[in-house]
Amino acid sequence: MENKVSIIIPAYNCEKYIFECLESVINQTYSNLEIIIIDDGSTDNTSEICQRFEKIDNRIIYTWQENSGVSKARNKGIDLAKGKYIVFIDADDKVGKCYIEQFIYIFEHYDVQMASLGHSNSFEQIKDKISNEINIVDAKNARNKSMTFTQNIYNGYLWEKMFLADVIKNKVRFNEEILVREDLLFIIDYLFFIDKCGYTDNKLYYYRENADSVIHNMNSKRYYTQIKMAEKVMKLETKDSELYSAAEEAYYESARRYIEHLAQENSLMKMEKKWWLKKQVYYFLSKNRKIIQVKRIVSILLQRTI
């Protein structure tokens, strides 16, 4: 008998795209699914559309919560999930027909604990068949060498991966205080508890570029969460790992942008500027940074404070 897959879809004011998303999910070639939709307090027609789908497909579980953010919605979905495997899909995206079947193929043929596949922002590139060209990497290598804050085959995209439900339910949760790259932090946490990952470049996930997404609307609060996320990664990693170095770079770059946004928002305090400059100068001296870092420090000195 096929193992059940729990698909968790957080949804917030996505009436433009949720129909296409759910249509692509219910038409998967792999049928033993439970489709958990967590409506994060939508105020448009998202709720109505989801409940229509719930009536026509008994695999769909729809639930509503007060607007609390995508991490809380995903955590609620995890609590409800009963499948052996868990997949996360964004409500404004859609997937190829073999999306779940490809994941299952990787898990069942290669004894891995995480599977990853390709994506595209052009739906014409999304495939309709599975691939047997699978690359295997141990989790430590994926965490310390392949996964960085730049994108590559083992990147921080949540929606192009399948996970073991037992590991997530017993070991990993989304940090509900993190607003940016919370998915990367979740994946890094997960990799600490597994041995092997499988990857194919087969493009089965359509990622829709959305100008309203968090990553395209950065402000000081969101840069602050990026600072906190980088801090958490640095605590998890050893200082000699590549991921630690990447997190350290992200920490100081995010801090610089955070201070700049505070200045633009006319809310930069003298103590905050002093705190950042002290840490940045220390980093500059310890790493023997290039002249561009000096220019950035000088630019912060020129920012107005209140």
C-alpha atoms as a PDB file:
ATOM      1  CA  MET A   1       0.000   0.000   0.000  1.00  0.00           C
ATOM      2  CA  GLU A   2       1.237   3.503  -0.823  1.00  0.00           C
ATOM      3  CA  ASN A   3       2.508   5.610   2.077  1.00  0.00           C
ATOM      4  CA  LYS A   4       0.468   8.732   2.773  1.00  0.00           C
ATOM      5  CA  VAL A   5       1.955  12.147   1.985  1.00  0.00           C
ATOM      6  CA  SER A   6       0.816  15.220   3.912  1.00  0.00           C
ATOM      7  CA  ILE A   7       0.870  18.386   1.794  1.00  0.00           C
ATOM      8  CA  ILE A   8       0.773  21.549   3.904  1.00  0.00           C
ATOM      9  CA  ILE A   9      -0.358  24.750   2.177  1.00  0.00           C
ATOM     10  CA  PRO A  10      -0.375  28.004   4.169  1.00  0.00           C
ATOM     11  CA  ALA A  11      -2.706  30.502   2.500  1.00  0.00           C
ATOM     12  CA  TYR A  12      -3.193  34.219   2.972  1.00  0.00           C
ATOM     13  CA  ASN A  13      -5.154  36.465   0.596  1.00  0.00           C
ATOM     14  CA  CYS A  14      -4.230  34.376  -2.427  1.00  0.00           C
ATOM     15  CA  GLU A  15      -7.544  34.323  -4.295  1.00  0.00           C
ATOM     16  CA  LYS A  16      -5.728  35.049  -7.589  1.00  0.00           C
ATOM     17  CA  TYR A  17      -3.737  31.821  -7.527  1.00  0.00           C
ATOM     18  CA  ILE A  18      -5.113  29.339  -4.975  1.00  0.00           C
ATOM     19  CA  PHE A  19      -7.453  27.683  -7.514  1.00  0.00           C
ATOM     20  CA  GLU A  20      -4.547  26.836  -9.844  1.00  0.00           C
ATOM     21  CA  CYS A  21      -2.464  25.649  -6.912  1.00  0.00           C
ATOM     22  CA  LEU A  22      -5.109  23.271  -5.541  1.00  0.00           C
ATOM     23  CA  GLU A  23      -6.038  22.025  -9.002  1.00  0.00           C
ATOM     24  CA  SER A  24      -2.409  21.013  -9.601  1.00  0.00           C
ATOM     25  CA  VAL A  25      -2.246  19.280  -6.205  1.00  0.00           C
ATOM     26  CA  ILE A  26      -5.430  17.201  -6.476  1.00  0.00           C
ATOM     27  CA  ASN A  27      -4.389  16.002  -9.968  1.00  0.00           C
ATOM     28  CA  GLN A  28      -1.136  14.386  -8.825  1.00  0.00           C
ATOM     29  CA  THR A  29      -0.218  10.987 -10.289  1.00  0.00           C
ATOM     30  CA  TYR A  30       0.441   9.857  -6.694  1.00  0.00           C
ATOM     31  CA  SER A  31      -2.959   9.777  -5.024  1.00  0.00           C
ATOM     32  CA  ASN A  32      -2.499   8.808  -1.353  1.00  0.00           C
ATOM     33  CA  LEU A  33      -2.465  12.387  -0.085  1.00  0.00           C
ATOM     34  CA  GLU A  34      -3.885  14.535   2.644  1.00  0.00           C
ATOM     35  CA  ILE A  35      -3.943  18.189   1.632  1.00  0.00           C
ATOM     36  CA  ILE A  36      -3.882  20.475   4.652  1.00  0.00           C
ATOM     37  CA  ILE A  37      -4.750  24.106   3.960  1.00  0.00           C
ATOM     38  CA  ILE A  38      -4.071  26.558   6.789  1.00  0.00           C
ATOM     39  CA  ASP A  39      -5.858  29.822   6.065  1.00  0.00           C
ATOM     40  CA  ASP A  40      -3.879  32.483   7.910  1.00  0.00           C
ATOM     41  CA  GLY A  41      -6.775  34.919   8.409  1.00  0.00           C
ATOM     42  CA  SER A  42      -7.461  35.752   4.750  1.00  0.00           C
ATOM     43  CA  THR A  43      -9.808  38.678   4.115  1.00  0.00           C
ATOM     44  CA  ASP A  44     -10.439  38.028   0.408  1.00  0.00           C
ATOM     45  CA  ASN A  45     -12.131  35.020  -1.286  1.00  0.00           C
ATOM     46  CA  THR A  46      -9.371  32.542  -0.392  1.00  0.00           C
ATOM     47  CA  SER A  47     -11.556  30.861   2.242  1.00  0.00           C
ATOM     48  CA  GLU A  48     -14.489  30.392  -0.132  1.00  0.00           C
ATOM     49  CA  ILE A  49     -12.312  28.857  -2.855  1.00  0.00           C
ATOM     50  CA  CYS A  50     -10.612  26.457  -0.438  1.00  0.00           C
ATOM     51  CA  GLN A  51     -13.905  25.299   1.057  1.00  0.00           C
ATOM     52  CA  ARG A  52     -15.277  24.609  -2.425  1.00  0.00           C
ATOM     53  CA  PHE A  53     -12.326  22.302  -3.060  1.00  0.00           C
ATOM     54  CA  GLU A  54     -12.813  20.671   0.348  1.00  0.00           C
ATOM     55  CA  LYS A  55     -16.361  19.687  -0.672  1.00  0.00           C
ATOM     56  CA  ILE A  56     -15.257  17.989  -3.899  1.00  0.00           C
ATOM     57  CA  ASP A  57     -12.142  16.191  -2.602  1.00  0.00           C
ATOM     58  CA  ASN A  58     -12.216  14.357   0.728  1.00  0.00           C
ATOM     59  CA  ARG A  59      -8.419  14.417   0.932  1.00  0.00           C
ATOM     60  CA  ILE A  60      -8.532  18.155   1.670  1.00  0.00           C
ATOM     61  CA  ILE A  61      -8.529  19.448   5.246  1.00  0.00           C
ATOM     62  CA  TYR A  62      -9.233  23.177   5.513  1.00  0.00           C
ATOM     63  CA  THR A  63      -8.697  25.135   8.732  1.00  0.00           C
ATOM     64  CA  TRP A  64      -8.637  28.839   9.560  1.00  0.00           C
ATOM     65  CA  GLN A  65      -6.550  30.752  12.091  1.00  0.00           C
ATOM     66  CA  GLU A  66      -6.167  34.383  13.096  1.00  0.00           C
ATOM     67  CA  ASN A  67      -3.480  36.067  11.001  1.00  0.00           C
ATOM     68  CA  SER A  68      -0.258  34.928  12.698  1.00  0.00           C
ATOM     69  CA  GLY A  69       2.279  34.430   9.922  1.00  0.00           C
ATOM     70  CA  VAL A  70       3.400  31.622   7.657  1.00  0.00           C
ATOM     71  CA  SER A  71       5.561  29.870  10.272  1.00  0.00           C
ATOM     72  CA  LYS A  72       2.690  29.442  12.721  1.00  0.00           C
ATOM     73  CA  ALA A  73       0.472  28.235   9.863  1.00  0.00           C
ATOM     74  CA  ARG A  74       3.038  25.617   8.853  1.00  0.00           C
ATOM     75  CA  ASN A  75       3.500  24.489  12.461  1.00  0.00           C
ATOM     76  CA  LYS A  76      -0.260  24.029  12.762  1.00  0.00           C
ATOM     77  CA  GLY A  77      -0.194  21.979   9.567  1.00  0.00           C
ATOM     78  CA  ILE A  78       2.568  19.802  11.012  1.00  0.00           C
ATOM     79  CA  ASP A  79       0.457  19.136  14.118  1.00  0.00           C
ATOM     80  CA  LEU A  80      -2.449  18.015  11.925  1.00  0.00           C
ATOM     81  CA  ALA A  81      -0.385  15.897   9.509  1.00  0.00           C
ATOM     82  CA  LYS A  82      -0.854  12.112   9.606  1.00  0.00           C
ATOM     83  CA  GLY A  83       1.274  11.105   6.605  1.00  0.00           C
ATOM     84  CA  LYS A  84       4.661   9.378   6.604  1.00  0.00           C
ATOM     85  CA  TYR A  85       6.063  12.227   4.512  1.00  0.00           C
ATOM     86  CA  ILE A  86       5.508  15.990   4.611  1.00  0.00           C
ATOM     87  CA  VAL A  87       5.679  18.473   1.737  1.00  0.00           C
ATOM     88  CA  PHE A  88       5.118  22.244   1.856  1.00  0.00           C
ATOM     89  CA  ILE A  89       3.620  24.166  -1.066  1.00  0.00           C
ATOM     90  CA  ASP A  90       3.064  27.922  -1.324  1.00  0.00           C
ATOM     91  CA  ALA A  91      -0.497  28.904  -2.234  1.00  0.00           C
ATOM     92  CA  ASP A  92       0.506  31.149  -5.139  1.00  0.00           C
ATOM     93  CA  ASP A  93       2.551  28.434  -6.873  1.00  0.00           C
ATOM     94  CA  LYS A  94       1.645  25.178  -8.605  1.00  0.00           C
ATOM     95  CA  VAL A  95       3.263  21.813  -9.270  1.00  0.00           C
ATOM     96  CA  GLY A  96       3.715  19.348 -12.106  1.00  0.00           C
ATOM     97  CA  LYS A  97       1.626  16.158 -12.127  1.00  0.00           C
ATOM     98  CA  CYS A  98       4.575  13.988 -11.049  1.00  0.00           C
ATOM     99  CA  TYR A  99       5.744  16.281  -8.229  1.00  0.00           C
ATOM    100  CA  ILE A 100       4.873  13.868  -5.395  1.00  0.00           C
ATOM    101  CA  GLU A 101       5.687  10.745  -7.421  1.00  0.00           C
ATOM    102  CA  GLN A 102       9.224  12.044  -8.023  1.00  0.00           C
ATOM    103  CA  PHE A 103       9.798  12.529  -4.295  1.00  0.00           C
ATOM    104  CA  ILE A 104       8.487   9.037  -3.515  1.00  0.00           C
ATOM    105  CA  TYR A 105      10.770   7.552  -6.167  1.00  0.00           C
ATOM    106  CA  ILE A 106      13.818   9.152  -4.511  1.00  0.00           C
ATOM    107  CA  PHE A 107      12.824   8.042  -1.014  1.00  0.00           C
ATOM    108  CA  GLU A 108      11.972   4.468  -1.925  1.00  0.00           C
ATOM    109  CA  HIS A 109      14.931   3.793  -4.241  1.00  0.00           C
ATOM    110  CA  TYR A 110      17.777   5.500  -2.370  1.00  0.00           C
ATOM    111  CA  ASP A 111      17.073   5.196   1.370  1.00  0.00           C
ATOM    112  CA  VAL A 112      17.311   8.955   1.997  1.00  0.00           C
ATOM    113  CA  GLN A 113      15.612  11.111   4.630  1.00  0.00           C
ATOM    114  CA  MET A 114      15.168  14.238   2.499  1.00  0.00           C
ATOM    115  CA  ALA A 115      14.436  14.551  -1.214  1.00  0.00           C
ATOM    116  CA  SER A 116      14.842  17.657  -3.362  1.00  0.00           C
ATOM    117  CA  LEU A 117      13.930  18.524  -6.952  1.00  0.00           C
ATOM    118  CA  GLY A 118      14.153  21.413  -9.407  1.00  0.00           C
ATOM    119  CA  HIS A 119      11.929  24.439  -9.916  1.00  0.00           C
ATOM    120  CA  SER A 120      11.301  27.113 -12.510  1.00  0.00           C
ATOM    121  CA  ASN A 121       9.511  30.453 -12.730  1.00  0.00           C
ATOM    122  CA  SER A 122       8.380  29.486 -16.231  1.00  0.00           C
ATOM    123  CA  PHE A 123       5.545  26.950 -16.248  1.00  0.00           C
ATOM    124  CA  GLU A 124       6.525  25.828 -19.762  1.00  0.00           C
ATOM    125  CA  GLN A 125       9.659  24.264 -18.227  1.00  0.00           C
ATOM    126  CA  ILE A 126       7.708  22.139 -15.732  1.00  0.00           C
ATOM    127  CA  LYS A 127       7.974  18.441 -16.637  1.00  0.00           C
ATOM    128  CA  ASP A 128       5.289  15.736 -16.740  1.00  0.00           C
ATOM    129  CA  LYS A 129       7.505  12.747 -15.978  1.00  0.00           C
ATOM    130  CA  ILE A 130       9.819  11.581 -13.222  1.00  0.00           C
ATOM    131  CA  SER A 131      13.598  11.282 -13.576  1.00  0.00           C
ATOM    132  CA  ASN A 132      15.807   8.422 -12.389  1.00  0.00           C
ATOM    133  CA  GLU A 133      18.932  10.607 -12.478  1.00  0.00           C
ATOM    134  CA  ILE A 134      19.402  11.089  -8.741  1.00  0.00           C
ATOM    135  CA  ASN A 135      22.367  12.559  -6.888  1.00  0.00           C
ATOM    136  CA  ILE A 136      23.023  11.469  -3.306  1.00  0.00           C
ATOM    137  CA  VAL A 137      24.845  13.520  -0.684  1.00  0.00           C
ATOM    138  CA  ASP A 138      25.284  13.000   3.039  1.00  0.00           C
ATOM    139  CA  ALA A 139      23.444  15.474   5.242  1.00  0.00           C
ATOM    140  CA  LYS A 140      26.578  16.887   6.836  1.00  0.00           C
ATOM    141  CA  ASN A 141      27.986  17.739   3.431  1.00  0.00           C
ATOM    142  CA  ALA A 142      24.674  19.285   2.365  1.00  0.00           C
ATOM    143  CA  ARG A 143      24.625  21.399   5.510  1.00  0.00           C
ATOM    144  CA  ASN A 144      28.249  22.466   5.770  1.00  0.00           C
ATOM    145  CA  LYS A 145      29.347  22.668   2.148  1.00  0.00           C
ATOM    146  CA  SER A 146      26.459  22.814  -0.300  1.00  0.00           C
ATOM    147  CA  MET A 147      23.917  24.849   1.641  1.00  0.00           C
ATOM    148  CA  THR A 148      24.873  28.484   1.855  1.00  0.00           C
ATOM    149  CA  PHE A 149      22.963  31.721   1.712  1.00  0.00           C
ATOM    150  CA  THR A 150      23.492  31.714  -2.044  1.00  0.00           C
ATOM    151  CA  GLN A 151      21.353  29.348  -4.083  1.00  0.00           C
ATOM    152  CA  ASN A 152      22.507  25.964  -5.356  1.00  0.00           C
ATOM    153  CA  ILE A 153      21.113  22.451  -5.639  1.00  0.00           C
ATOM    154  CA  TYR A 154      20.714  22.012  -1.872  1.00  0.00           C
ATOM    155  CA  ASN A 155      19.292  25.454  -1.279  1.00  0.00           C
ATOM    156  CA  GLY A 156      16.946  26.833   1.327  1.00  0.00           C
ATOM    157  CA  TYR A 157      13.731  26.547  -0.684  1.00  0.00           C
ATOM    158  CA  LEU A 158      11.217  24.638   1.396  1.00  0.00           C
ATOM    159  CA  TRP A 159       8.691  23.853  -1.324  1.00  0.00           C
ATOM    160  CA  GLU A 160      10.988  21.746  -3.518  1.00  0.00           C
ATOM    161  CA  LYS A 161      11.682  19.200  -0.769  1.00  0.00           C
ATOM    162  CA  MET A 162      10.031  16.254   0.947  1.00  0.00           C
ATOM    163  CA  PHE A 163      10.685  15.416   4.600  1.00  0.00           C
ATOM    164  CA  LEU A 164      10.062  12.550   7.006  1.00  0.00           C
ATOM    165  CA  ALA A 165       7.133  13.408   9.254  1.00  0.00           C
ATOM    166  CA  ASP A 166       8.615  11.582  12.272  1.00  0.00           C
ATOM    167  CA  VAL A 167      11.754  13.729  12.215  1.00  0.00           C
ATOM    168  CA  ILE A 168       9.791  16.966  11.917  1.00  0.00           C
ATOM    169  CA  LYS A 169       7.209  16.106  14.556  1.00  0.00           C
ATOM    170  CA  ASN A 170       9.810  15.025  17.108  1.00  0.00           C
ATOM    171  CA  LYS A 171      12.761  17.317  16.337  1.00  0.00           C
ATOM    172  CA  VAL A 172      12.012  20.379  14.201  1.00  0.00           C
ATOM    173  CA  ARG A 173       9.579  23.309  14.128  1.00  0.00           C
ATOM    174  CA  PHE A 174       9.440  26.658  12.360  1.00  0.00           C
ATOM    175  CA  ASN A 175      10.658  29.607  14.400  1.00  0.00           C
ATOM    176  CA  GLU A 176       7.584  31.841  14.529  1.00  0.00           C
ATOM    177  CA  GLU A 177       9.650  34.951  15.295  1.00  0.00           C
ATOM    178  CA  ILE A 178      11.619  34.745  12.034  1.00  0.00           C
ATOM    179  CA  LEU A 179      10.029  36.544   9.058  1.00  0.00           C
ATOM    180  CA  VAL A 180      12.723  36.066   6.416  1.00  0.00           C
ATOM    181  CA  ARG A 181      14.408  32.808   5.351  1.00  0.00           C
ATOM    182  CA  GLU A 182      12.599  30.892   8.056  1.00  0.00           C
ATOM    183  CA  ASP A 183      12.523  27.994   5.579  1.00  0.00           C
ATOM    184  CA  LEU A 184      16.319  27.869   5.328  1.00  0.00           C
ATOM    185  CA  LEU A 185      16.635  27.760   9.113  1.00  0.00           C
ATOM    186  CA  PHE A 186      14.079  24.930   9.237  1.00  0.00           C
ATOM    187  CA  ILE A 187      16.015  22.911   6.644  1.00  0.00           C
ATOM    188  CA  ILE A 188      19.323  23.428   8.435  1.00  0.00           C
ATOM    189  CA  ASP A 189      17.720  22.223  11.684  1.00  0.00           C
ATOM    190  CA  TYR A 190      16.290  19.187   9.891  1.00  0.00           C
ATOM    191  CA  LEU A 191      19.657  18.237   8.383  1.00  0.00           C
ATOM    192  CA  PHE A 192      21.128  17.798  11.861  1.00  0.00           C
ATOM    193  CA  PHE A 193      18.868  14.784  12.428  1.00  0.00           C
ATOM    194  CA  ILE A 194      19.293  12.831   9.178  1.00  0.00           C
ATOM    195  CA  ASP A 195      22.011  11.023   7.216  1.00  0.00           C
ATOM    196  CA  LYS A 196      21.377  11.310   3.478  1.00  0.00           C
ATOM    197  CA  CYS A 197      19.631  13.516   0.905  1.00  0.00           C
ATOM    198  CA  GLY A 198      18.626  12.787  -2.678  1.00  0.00           C
ATOM    199  CA  TYR A 199      18.382  15.395  -5.434  1.00  0.00           C
ATOM    200  CA  THR A 200      17.227  15.604  -9.036  1.00  0.00           C
ATOM    201  CA  ASP A 201      17.265  18.647 -11.294  1.00  0.00           C
ATOM    202  CA  ASN A 202      13.903  17.557 -12.735  1.00  0.00           C
ATOM    203  CA  LYS A 203      11.779  20.737 -12.707  1.00  0.00           C
ATOM    204  CA  LEU A 204       8.418  19.934 -11.172  1.00  0.00           C
ATOM    205  CA  TYR A 205       7.673  23.025  -9.083  1.00  0.00           C
ATOM    206  CA  TYR A 206       6.469  26.290 -10.605  1.00  0.00           C
ATOM    207  CA  TYR A 207       7.584  29.214  -8.468  1.00  0.00           C
ATOM    208  CA  ARG A 208       5.585  32.345  -9.201  1.00  0.00           C
ATOM    209  CA  GLU A 209       7.491  35.613  -8.858  1.00  0.00           C
ATOM    210  CA  ASN A 210       5.347  37.690  -6.530  1.00  0.00           C
ATOM    211  CA  ALA A 211       6.035  41.399  -6.060  1.00  0.00           C
ATOM    212  CA  ASP A 212       3.997  41.309  -2.836  1.00  0.00           C
ATOM    213  CA  SER A 213       6.145  38.656  -1.157  1.00  0.00           C
ATOM    214  CA  VAL A 214       8.164  39.391   1.986  1.00  0.00           C
ATOM    215  CA  ILE A 215      11.513  39.083   0.227  1.00  0.00           C
ATOM    216  CA  HIS A 216      10.487  41.823  -2.229  1.00  0.00           C
ATOM    217  CA  ASN A 217       9.241  44.165   0.505  1.00  0.00           C
ATOM    218  CA  MET A 218      12.089  44.435   2.957  1.00  0.00           C
ATOM    219  CA  ASN A 219      12.008  46.882   5.857  1.00  0.00           C
ATOM    220  CA  SER A 220      13.964  47.287   9.092  1.00  0.00           C
ATOM    221  CA  LYS A 221      11.909  44.693  11.000  1.00  0.00           C
ATOM    222  CA  ARG A 222      12.494  42.091   8.311  1.00  0.00           C
ATOM    223  CA  TYR A 223      16.207  42.785   8.162  1.00  0.00           C
ATOM    224  CA  TYR A 224      16.273  42.435  11.929  1.00  0.00           C
ATOM    225  CA  THR A 225      14.776  38.938  11.639  1.00  0.00           C
ATOM    226  CA  GLN A 226      17.455  38.116   9.061  1.00  0.00           C
ATOM    227  CA  ILE A 227      20.072  39.141  11.640  1.00  0.00           C
ATOM    228  CA  LYS A 228      18.461  36.858  14.228  1.00  0.00           C
ATOM    229  CA  MET A 229      18.282  33.979  11.767  1.00  0.00           C
ATOM    230  CA  ALA A 230      21.971  34.323  10.935  1.00  0.00           C
ATOM    231  CA  GLU A 231      22.761  34.325  14.663  1.00  0.00           C
ATOM    232  CA  LYS A 232      20.876  31.051  15.095  1.00  0.00           C
ATOM    233  CA  VAL A 233      22.746  29.410  12.217  1.00  0.00           C
ATOM    234  CA  MET A 234      26.063  30.525  13.723  1.00  0.00           C
ATOM    235  CA  LYS A 235      25.066  28.914  17.032  1.00  0.00           C
ATOM    236  CA  LEU A 236      24.190  25.635  15.286  1.00  0.00           C
ATOM    237  CA  GLU A 237      27.346  25.434  13.170  1.00  0.00           C
ATOM    238  CA  THR A 238      31.014  25.039  14.004  1.00  0.00           C
ATOM    239  CA  LYS A 239      33.202  28.023  13.148  1.00  0.00           C
ATOM    240  CA  ASP A 240      35.204  26.081  10.563  1.00  0.00           C
ATOM    241  CA  SER A 241      32.151  25.217   8.426  1.00  0.00           C
ATOM    242  CA  GLU A 242      31.312  27.021   5.204  1.00  0.00           C
ATOM    243  CA  LEU A 243      27.769  27.575   6.394  1.00  0.00           C
ATOM    244  CA  TYR A 244      29.038  29.388   9.486  1.00  0.00           C
ATOM    245  CA  SER A 245      31.075  31.707   7.264  1.00  0.00           C
ATOM    246  CA  ALA A 246      28.062  32.325   5.030  1.00  0.00           C
ATOM    247  CA  ALA A 247      25.883  33.066   8.053  1.00  0.00           C
ATOM    248  CA  GLU A 248      28.515  35.412   9.446  1.00  0.00           C
ATOM    249  CA  GLU A 249      28.627  37.324   6.153  1.00  0.00           C
ATOM    250  CA  ALA A 250      24.832  37.504   6.115  1.00  0.00           C
ATOM    251  CA  TYR A 251      24.785  38.722   9.707  1.00  0.00           C
ATOM    252  CA  TYR A 252      26.932  41.768   9.012  1.00  0.00           C
ATOM    253  CA  GLU A 253      25.389  42.512   5.638  1.00  0.00           C
ATOM    254  CA  SER A 254      21.877  42.337   7.128  1.00  0.00           C
ATOM    255  CA  ALA A 255      22.953  44.527  10.035  1.00  0.00           C
ATOM    256  CA  ARG A 256      24.240  47.158   7.623  1.00  0.00           C
ATOM    257  CA  ARG A 257      20.973  47.150   5.702  1.00  0.00           C
ATOM    258  CA  TYR A 258      19.017  47.178   8.964  1.00  0.00           C
ATOM    259  CA  ILE A 259      20.754  50.367  10.092  1.00  0.00           C
ATOM    260  CA  GLU A 260      20.265  51.971   6.684  1.00  0.00           C
ATOM    261  CA  HIS A 261      16.538  51.212   6.737  1.00  0.00           C
ATOM    262  CA  LEU A 262      16.204  52.582  10.267  1.00  0.00           C
ATOM    263  CA  ALA A 263      17.795  55.799   9.029  1.00  0.00           C
ATOM    264  CA  GLN A 264      15.453  55.939   6.032  1.00  0.00           C
ATOM    265  CA  GLU A 265      12.510  55.393   8.365  1.00  0.00           C
ATOM    266  CA  ASN A 266      13.790  58.183  10.658  1.00  0.00           C
ATOM    267  CA  SER A 267      14.000  55.784  13.597  1.00  0.00           C
ATOM    268  CA  LEU A 268      17.741  55.199  13.937  1.00  0.00           C
ATOM    269  CA  MET A 269      18.867  55.545  17.554  1.00  0.00           C
ATOM    270  CA  LYS A 270      22.421  56.515  18.553  1.00  0.00           C
ATOM    271  CA  MET A 271      22.807  53.386  20.665  1.00  0.00           C
ATOM    272  CA  GLU A 272      21.852  51.133  17.750  1.00  0.00           C
ATOM    273  CA  LYS A 273      24.374  52.799  15.466  1.00  0.00           C
ATOM    274  CA  LYS A 274      27.053  52.526  18.147  1.00  0.00           C
ATOM    275  CA  TRP A 275      26.252  48.824  18.660  1.00  0.00           C
ATOM    276  CA  TRP A 276      26.486  48.055  14.965  1.00  0.00           C
ATOM    277  CA  LEU A 277      29.665  50.048  14.367  1.00  0.00           C
ATOM    278  CA  LYS A 278      31.449  48.346  17.248  1.00  0.00           C
ATOM    279  CA  LYS A 279      30.627  44.876  15.896  1.00  0.00           C
ATOM    280  CA  GLN A 280      31.332  45.820  12.287  1.00  0.00           C
ATOM    281  CA  VAL A 281      34.734  47.332  13.065  1.00  0.00           C
ATOM    282  CA  TYR A 282      35.656  44.216  15.046  1.00  0.00           C
ATOM    283  CA  TYR A 283      34.600  42.034  12.114  1.00  0.00           C
ATOM    284  CA  PHE A 284      36.485  44.214   9.652  1.00  0.00           C
ATOM    285  CA  LEU A 285      39.718  44.006  11.660  1.00  0.00           C
ATOM    286  CA  SER A 286      39.471  40.269  12.357  1.00  0.00           C
ATOM    287  CA  LYS A 287      38.730  39.325   8.735  1.00  0.00           C
ATOM    288  CA  ASN A 288      40.990  41.849   7.008  1.00  0.00           C
ATOM    289  CA  ARG A 289      38.106  42.977   4.836  1.00  0.00           C
ATOM    290  CA  LYS A 290      38.397  44.789   1.520  1.00  0.00           C
ATOM    291  CA  ILE A 291      38.055  48.541   1.051  1.00  0.00           C
ATOM    292  CA  ILE A 292      34.350  48.199   0.255  1.00  0.00           C
ATOM    293  CA  GLN A 293      33.780  47.292   3.897  1.00  0.00           C
ATOM    294  CA  VAL A 294      35.482  50.523   4.973  1.00  0.00           C
ATOM    295  CA  LYS A 295      33.175  52.465   2.667  1.00  0.00           C
ATOM    296  CA  ARG A 296      30.160  50.765   4.192  1.00  0.00           C
ATOM    297  CA  ILE A 297      31.269  51.634   7.695  1.00  0.00           C
ATOM    298  CA  VAL A 298      31.796  55.245   6.663  1.00  0.00           C
ATOM    299  CA  SER A 299      28.366  55.319   5.031  1.00  0.00           C
ATOM    300  CA  ILE A 300      26.787  54.228   8.318  1.00  0.00           C
ATOM    301  CA  LEU A 301      28.682  56.947  10.172  1.00  0.00           C
ATOM    302  CA  LEU A 302      26.912  59.446   7.942  1.00  0.00           C
ATOM    303  CA  GLN A 303      23.437  58.096   8.704  1.00  0.00           C
ATOM    304  CA  ARG A 304      21.253  60.396  10.767  1.00  0.00           C
ATOM    305  CA  THR A 305      20.232  59.349  14.274  1.00  0.00           C
ATOM    306  CA  ILE A 306      17.498  60.512  16.602  1.00  0.00           C
END
